[in-house]
N, C-alpha and C. Protein backbone atom coordinates (compact mmCIF):
# COMPACT_ATOMS: atom_id res chain seq x y z
N MET A 1 11.88 9.06 -26.39
CA MET A 1 12.55 8.20 -25.44
C MET A 1 11.97 6.80 -25.54
N GLY A 2 12.79 5.77 -25.66
CA GLY A 2 12.32 4.40 -25.78
C GLY A 2 11.84 3.85 -24.46
N ASP A 3 11.12 2.73 -24.52
CA ASP A 3 10.60 2.12 -23.30
C ASP A 3 11.68 1.80 -22.30
N SER A 4 12.83 1.28 -22.77
CA SER A 4 13.87 0.86 -21.85
C SER A 4 14.52 2.04 -21.15
N ALA A 5 14.39 3.25 -21.71
CA ALA A 5 15.02 4.42 -21.12
C ALA A 5 14.08 5.17 -20.18
N ARG A 6 12.82 4.86 -20.19
CA ARG A 6 11.91 5.64 -19.36
C ARG A 6 12.04 5.25 -17.89
N SER A 7 11.62 6.15 -17.05
CA SER A 7 11.66 5.91 -15.61
C SER A 7 10.74 4.76 -15.26
N PHE A 8 11.14 3.99 -14.23
CA PHE A 8 10.28 2.89 -13.83
C PHE A 8 9.20 3.35 -12.86
N ASP A 9 9.13 4.67 -12.58
CA ASP A 9 8.14 5.19 -11.65
C ASP A 9 6.71 4.93 -12.11
N ASP A 10 6.51 4.80 -13.42
CA ASP A 10 5.15 4.71 -13.94
C ASP A 10 4.79 3.29 -14.38
N VAL A 11 5.54 2.29 -13.94
CA VAL A 11 5.27 0.93 -14.36
C VAL A 11 5.29 0.01 -13.14
N SER A 12 4.46 -1.02 -13.18
CA SER A 12 4.39 -1.96 -12.06
C SER A 12 5.54 -2.97 -12.15
N PHE A 13 5.74 -3.70 -11.08
CA PHE A 13 6.76 -4.76 -11.04
C PHE A 13 6.51 -5.77 -12.16
N GLY A 14 5.29 -6.24 -12.28
CA GLY A 14 4.96 -7.24 -13.29
C GLY A 14 5.18 -6.75 -14.71
N LYS A 15 4.71 -5.54 -14.98
CA LYS A 15 4.86 -5.00 -16.34
C LYS A 15 6.33 -4.74 -16.66
N ARG A 16 7.11 -4.36 -15.65
CA ARG A 16 8.54 -4.13 -15.90
C ARG A 16 9.26 -5.43 -16.24
N ILE A 17 8.97 -6.51 -15.51
CA ILE A 17 9.66 -7.77 -15.85
C ILE A 17 9.19 -8.28 -17.22
N GLN A 18 7.93 -8.07 -17.54
CA GLN A 18 7.43 -8.46 -18.85
C GLN A 18 8.14 -7.65 -19.94
N GLN A 19 8.27 -6.36 -19.73
CA GLN A 19 8.94 -5.47 -20.68
C GLN A 19 10.39 -5.92 -20.88
N LEU A 20 11.09 -6.17 -19.78
CA LEU A 20 12.49 -6.58 -19.86
C LEU A 20 12.64 -7.93 -20.58
N ARG A 21 11.76 -8.86 -20.25
CA ARG A 21 11.80 -10.19 -20.87
C ARG A 21 11.61 -10.07 -22.38
N ARG A 22 10.65 -9.29 -22.79
CA ARG A 22 10.38 -9.12 -24.22
C ARG A 22 11.53 -8.42 -24.93
N GLU A 23 12.11 -7.41 -24.27
CA GLU A 23 13.25 -6.71 -24.86
C GLU A 23 14.43 -7.67 -25.10
N GLN A 24 14.57 -8.65 -24.22
CA GLN A 24 15.64 -9.64 -24.34
C GLN A 24 15.28 -10.74 -25.34
N GLY A 25 14.03 -10.77 -25.78
CA GLY A 25 13.58 -11.80 -26.71
C GLY A 25 13.45 -13.16 -26.04
N LEU A 26 13.13 -13.16 -24.75
CA LEU A 26 13.02 -14.41 -23.98
C LEU A 26 11.56 -14.79 -23.79
N THR A 27 11.30 -16.08 -23.81
CA THR A 27 9.95 -16.57 -23.54
C THR A 27 9.74 -16.72 -22.04
N GLN A 28 8.47 -16.74 -21.64
CA GLN A 28 8.16 -17.00 -20.23
C GLN A 28 8.70 -18.36 -19.81
N ARG A 29 8.56 -19.34 -20.67
CA ARG A 29 9.03 -20.69 -20.33
C ARG A 29 10.53 -20.71 -20.08
N LEU A 30 11.29 -20.01 -20.92
CA LEU A 30 12.75 -20.00 -20.77
C LEU A 30 13.15 -19.30 -19.47
N VAL A 31 12.59 -18.13 -19.21
CA VAL A 31 12.92 -17.40 -17.99
C VAL A 31 12.52 -18.21 -16.76
N ALA A 32 11.32 -18.78 -16.78
CA ALA A 32 10.87 -19.58 -15.65
C ALA A 32 11.77 -20.79 -15.43
N SER A 33 12.18 -21.43 -16.51
CA SER A 33 13.07 -22.58 -16.41
C SER A 33 14.41 -22.19 -15.78
N LYS A 34 14.99 -21.10 -16.24
CA LYS A 34 16.26 -20.62 -15.68
C LYS A 34 16.12 -20.26 -14.21
N LEU A 35 14.95 -19.77 -13.85
CA LEU A 35 14.70 -19.33 -12.48
C LEU A 35 14.27 -20.48 -11.57
N GLY A 36 13.82 -21.58 -12.18
CA GLY A 36 13.36 -22.72 -11.39
C GLY A 36 11.96 -22.56 -10.86
N ILE A 37 11.13 -21.83 -11.62
CA ILE A 37 9.72 -21.66 -11.24
C ILE A 37 8.85 -22.11 -12.41
N ASP A 38 7.57 -22.30 -12.16
CA ASP A 38 6.64 -22.67 -13.21
C ASP A 38 6.32 -21.44 -14.06
N PHE A 39 6.23 -21.62 -15.37
CA PHE A 39 5.96 -20.47 -16.25
C PHE A 39 4.61 -19.84 -15.96
N THR A 40 3.66 -20.60 -15.43
CA THR A 40 2.35 -20.01 -15.11
C THR A 40 2.49 -19.01 -13.95
N TYR A 41 3.42 -19.29 -13.04
CA TYR A 41 3.68 -18.36 -11.95
C TYR A 41 4.29 -17.07 -12.50
N LEU A 42 5.21 -17.21 -13.45
CA LEU A 42 5.80 -16.03 -14.08
C LEU A 42 4.72 -15.22 -14.80
N SER A 43 3.82 -15.89 -15.46
CA SER A 43 2.71 -15.21 -16.14
C SER A 43 1.88 -14.42 -15.13
N LYS A 44 1.60 -15.02 -13.99
CA LYS A 44 0.84 -14.32 -12.94
C LYS A 44 1.60 -13.09 -12.45
N LEU A 45 2.92 -13.23 -12.27
CA LEU A 45 3.73 -12.09 -11.84
C LEU A 45 3.65 -10.96 -12.86
N GLU A 46 3.82 -11.32 -14.13
CA GLU A 46 3.80 -10.30 -15.19
C GLU A 46 2.46 -9.60 -15.30
N ASN A 47 1.41 -10.26 -14.88
CA ASN A 47 0.08 -9.67 -14.93
C ASN A 47 -0.35 -9.11 -13.58
N ASP A 48 0.64 -8.96 -12.68
CA ASP A 48 0.42 -8.35 -11.37
C ASP A 48 -0.70 -9.03 -10.57
N ARG A 49 -0.74 -10.34 -10.67
CA ARG A 49 -1.72 -11.11 -9.88
C ARG A 49 -0.98 -11.78 -8.73
N GLY A 50 -1.43 -11.48 -7.52
CA GLY A 50 -0.81 -12.07 -6.34
C GLY A 50 0.34 -11.23 -5.83
N GLU A 51 0.96 -11.73 -4.78
CA GLU A 51 2.07 -11.04 -4.15
C GLU A 51 3.35 -11.18 -4.97
N ALA A 52 4.21 -10.19 -4.86
CA ALA A 52 5.52 -10.26 -5.50
C ALA A 52 6.32 -11.39 -4.84
N PRO A 53 7.22 -12.01 -5.59
CA PRO A 53 8.02 -13.10 -5.03
C PRO A 53 9.03 -12.59 -4.01
N GLY A 54 9.73 -13.51 -3.39
CA GLY A 54 10.74 -13.16 -2.41
C GLY A 54 11.97 -12.54 -3.05
N GLU A 55 12.83 -12.03 -2.20
CA GLU A 55 14.02 -11.31 -2.67
C GLU A 55 14.93 -12.20 -3.53
N GLU A 56 15.10 -13.44 -3.16
CA GLU A 56 15.97 -14.34 -3.93
C GLU A 56 15.46 -14.52 -5.36
N THR A 57 14.16 -14.71 -5.50
CA THR A 57 13.56 -14.87 -6.83
C THR A 57 13.70 -13.58 -7.63
N ILE A 58 13.50 -12.45 -6.99
CA ILE A 58 13.62 -11.17 -7.69
C ILE A 58 15.06 -10.95 -8.14
N ARG A 59 16.02 -11.28 -7.29
CA ARG A 59 17.43 -11.15 -7.68
C ARG A 59 17.76 -12.07 -8.85
N GLY A 60 17.18 -13.27 -8.85
CA GLY A 60 17.37 -14.19 -9.97
C GLY A 60 16.79 -13.63 -11.26
N LEU A 61 15.60 -13.05 -11.16
CA LEU A 61 14.99 -12.41 -12.33
C LEU A 61 15.87 -11.29 -12.86
N ALA A 62 16.40 -10.49 -11.95
CA ALA A 62 17.26 -9.37 -12.35
C ALA A 62 18.49 -9.87 -13.09
N ALA A 63 19.08 -10.95 -12.61
CA ALA A 63 20.27 -11.49 -13.28
C ALA A 63 19.92 -12.00 -14.68
N ILE A 64 18.82 -12.73 -14.79
CA ILE A 64 18.41 -13.27 -16.09
C ILE A 64 18.05 -12.15 -17.06
N LEU A 65 17.38 -11.12 -16.54
CA LEU A 65 16.91 -10.02 -17.39
C LEU A 65 17.94 -8.90 -17.52
N GLU A 66 19.09 -9.09 -16.90
CA GLU A 66 20.21 -8.14 -17.00
C GLU A 66 19.82 -6.72 -16.62
N VAL A 67 19.24 -6.61 -15.42
CA VAL A 67 18.82 -5.32 -14.89
C VAL A 67 19.26 -5.25 -13.43
N ASP A 68 19.38 -4.04 -12.91
CA ASP A 68 19.76 -3.83 -11.52
C ASP A 68 18.70 -4.44 -10.60
N ALA A 69 19.14 -5.32 -9.73
CA ALA A 69 18.21 -5.98 -8.81
C ALA A 69 17.50 -4.96 -7.92
N GLU A 70 18.18 -3.89 -7.57
CA GLU A 70 17.57 -2.88 -6.69
C GLU A 70 16.35 -2.25 -7.35
N GLU A 71 16.37 -2.08 -8.67
CA GLU A 71 15.21 -1.54 -9.37
C GLU A 71 14.01 -2.47 -9.19
N LEU A 72 14.21 -3.76 -9.43
CA LEU A 72 13.09 -4.71 -9.31
C LEU A 72 12.64 -4.85 -7.86
N LEU A 73 13.58 -4.87 -6.93
CA LEU A 73 13.22 -4.97 -5.52
C LEU A 73 12.38 -3.76 -5.09
N ALA A 74 12.77 -2.58 -5.57
CA ALA A 74 12.00 -1.37 -5.23
C ALA A 74 10.60 -1.44 -5.83
N LEU A 75 10.51 -1.86 -7.09
CA LEU A 75 9.20 -1.97 -7.73
C LEU A 75 8.30 -2.97 -7.01
N ALA A 76 8.92 -4.02 -6.47
CA ALA A 76 8.15 -5.05 -5.76
C ALA A 76 7.83 -4.64 -4.33
N GLY A 77 8.36 -3.50 -3.90
CA GLY A 77 8.08 -3.02 -2.55
C GLY A 77 8.81 -3.79 -1.47
N LYS A 78 9.93 -4.38 -1.82
CA LYS A 78 10.69 -5.17 -0.85
C LYS A 78 11.58 -4.25 -0.02
N VAL A 79 11.54 -4.45 1.27
CA VAL A 79 12.33 -3.67 2.21
C VAL A 79 13.52 -4.53 2.65
N PRO A 80 14.74 -3.99 2.52
CA PRO A 80 15.91 -4.77 2.92
C PRO A 80 15.88 -5.15 4.40
N ALA A 81 16.41 -6.31 4.71
CA ALA A 81 16.45 -6.80 6.09
C ALA A 81 17.19 -5.81 6.99
N GLU A 82 18.23 -5.18 6.45
CA GLU A 82 19.01 -4.21 7.24
C GLU A 82 18.14 -3.03 7.67
N LEU A 83 17.22 -2.64 6.81
CA LEU A 83 16.32 -1.55 7.14
C LEU A 83 15.39 -1.95 8.27
N ARG A 84 14.84 -3.14 8.18
CA ARG A 84 13.95 -3.62 9.25
C ARG A 84 14.71 -3.73 10.57
N GLN A 85 15.93 -4.26 10.52
CA GLN A 85 16.74 -4.41 11.73
C GLN A 85 17.03 -3.06 12.37
N ARG A 86 17.40 -2.09 11.54
CA ARG A 86 17.70 -0.76 12.06
C ARG A 86 16.47 -0.16 12.72
N ALA A 87 15.30 -0.35 12.10
CA ALA A 87 14.06 0.19 12.66
C ALA A 87 13.74 -0.45 14.00
N VAL A 88 14.05 -1.72 14.15
CA VAL A 88 13.79 -2.42 15.41
C VAL A 88 14.66 -1.86 16.53
N HIS A 89 15.89 -1.50 16.20
CA HIS A 89 16.85 -1.09 17.23
C HIS A 89 17.03 0.43 17.36
N ASP A 90 16.40 1.20 16.49
CA ASP A 90 16.58 2.65 16.51
C ASP A 90 15.21 3.30 16.38
N ARG A 91 14.67 3.74 17.52
CA ARG A 91 13.31 4.27 17.57
C ARG A 91 13.13 5.47 16.64
N GLU A 92 14.09 6.38 16.61
CA GLU A 92 13.97 7.57 15.77
C GLU A 92 13.96 7.20 14.29
N PHE A 93 14.77 6.20 13.93
CA PHE A 93 14.80 5.74 12.55
C PHE A 93 13.43 5.17 12.16
N ALA A 94 12.85 4.39 13.04
CA ALA A 94 11.52 3.82 12.79
C ALA A 94 10.49 4.94 12.65
N MET A 95 10.60 5.96 13.47
CA MET A 95 9.66 7.09 13.38
C MET A 95 9.85 7.84 12.06
N LEU A 96 11.10 8.01 11.62
CA LEU A 96 11.36 8.65 10.33
C LEU A 96 10.70 7.87 9.19
N LEU A 97 10.86 6.55 9.20
CA LEU A 97 10.26 5.73 8.15
C LEU A 97 8.74 5.90 8.10
N ARG A 98 8.13 5.99 9.29
CA ARG A 98 6.68 6.14 9.33
C ARG A 98 6.23 7.52 8.84
N LYS A 99 7.10 8.53 8.96
CA LYS A 99 6.77 9.89 8.53
C LYS A 99 7.04 10.12 7.04
N LEU A 100 7.90 9.33 6.43
CA LEU A 100 8.30 9.57 5.04
C LEU A 100 7.13 9.77 4.08
N PRO A 101 6.08 8.95 4.14
CA PRO A 101 4.98 9.14 3.16
C PRO A 101 4.27 10.48 3.27
N THR A 102 4.38 11.15 4.41
CA THR A 102 3.66 12.41 4.60
C THR A 102 4.54 13.64 4.39
N LEU A 103 5.83 13.44 4.11
CA LEU A 103 6.73 14.58 3.91
C LEU A 103 6.42 15.29 2.61
N SER A 104 6.65 16.58 2.61
CA SER A 104 6.43 17.38 1.39
C SER A 104 7.47 17.00 0.35
N ASP A 105 7.20 17.36 -0.89
CA ASP A 105 8.14 17.11 -1.98
C ASP A 105 9.48 17.80 -1.71
N ASP A 106 9.42 19.01 -1.16
CA ASP A 106 10.66 19.74 -0.85
C ASP A 106 11.47 19.02 0.23
N ALA A 107 10.79 18.55 1.27
CA ALA A 107 11.50 17.84 2.35
C ALA A 107 12.12 16.55 1.81
N LEU A 108 11.37 15.84 0.96
CA LEU A 108 11.92 14.62 0.36
C LEU A 108 13.11 14.93 -0.54
N ALA A 109 13.01 16.02 -1.30
CA ALA A 109 14.11 16.40 -2.19
C ALA A 109 15.37 16.67 -1.37
N ARG A 110 15.23 17.31 -0.21
CA ARG A 110 16.39 17.56 0.66
C ARG A 110 16.97 16.24 1.18
N LEU A 111 16.10 15.33 1.57
CA LEU A 111 16.58 14.02 2.04
C LEU A 111 17.31 13.27 0.93
N TYR A 112 16.73 13.27 -0.27
CA TYR A 112 17.38 12.61 -1.41
C TYR A 112 18.76 13.21 -1.65
N ARG A 113 18.82 14.54 -1.65
CA ARG A 113 20.09 15.22 -1.90
C ARG A 113 21.11 14.86 -0.82
N ASP A 114 20.69 14.91 0.44
CA ASP A 114 21.59 14.60 1.54
C ASP A 114 22.07 13.15 1.51
N ALA A 115 21.23 12.27 0.97
CA ALA A 115 21.58 10.84 0.89
C ALA A 115 22.35 10.51 -0.39
N GLY A 116 22.51 11.52 -1.25
CA GLY A 116 23.23 11.28 -2.50
C GLY A 116 22.42 10.51 -3.53
N ILE A 117 21.09 10.64 -3.43
CA ILE A 117 20.19 9.97 -4.38
C ILE A 117 19.81 10.96 -5.46
N HIS A 118 20.09 10.61 -6.69
CA HIS A 118 19.75 11.47 -7.80
C HIS A 118 18.35 11.13 -8.27
N ARG A 119 17.45 12.05 -8.03
CA ARG A 119 16.05 11.82 -8.35
C ARG A 119 15.81 11.93 -9.84
N ARG A 120 15.05 10.98 -10.34
CA ARG A 120 14.66 11.01 -11.76
C ARG A 120 13.55 12.02 -11.93
N HIS A 121 13.61 12.77 -13.00
CA HIS A 121 12.56 13.76 -13.27
C HIS A 121 11.35 13.05 -13.84
N LYS A 122 10.19 13.44 -13.36
CA LYS A 122 8.93 12.82 -13.81
C LYS A 122 8.42 13.55 -15.01
């Protein structure tokens, strides 16, 4: 299985954008220029130094690197605004989110199935 086909579960946000950039044959300077950021900042991102950028920057990276923005947003640990809003207004939803990390693999598998999420095999 090639690098581009493997699951992103085992790679960091920075390494994934670096991998995608290299697969496209793009330089850091070119990507940074298209994105409107300094190439040294892109280098820091690729080396997982500092915080991940904001959602707009990540979506821009996804467009340039021709990848699903949701993949990069997930790798960066970004939580959608709609999720935060729902948690603010729905106590049970907020409690569910707080319990998710402690659920068993079987319980998570049921949630994924019920939500129509096709889990990638590790």
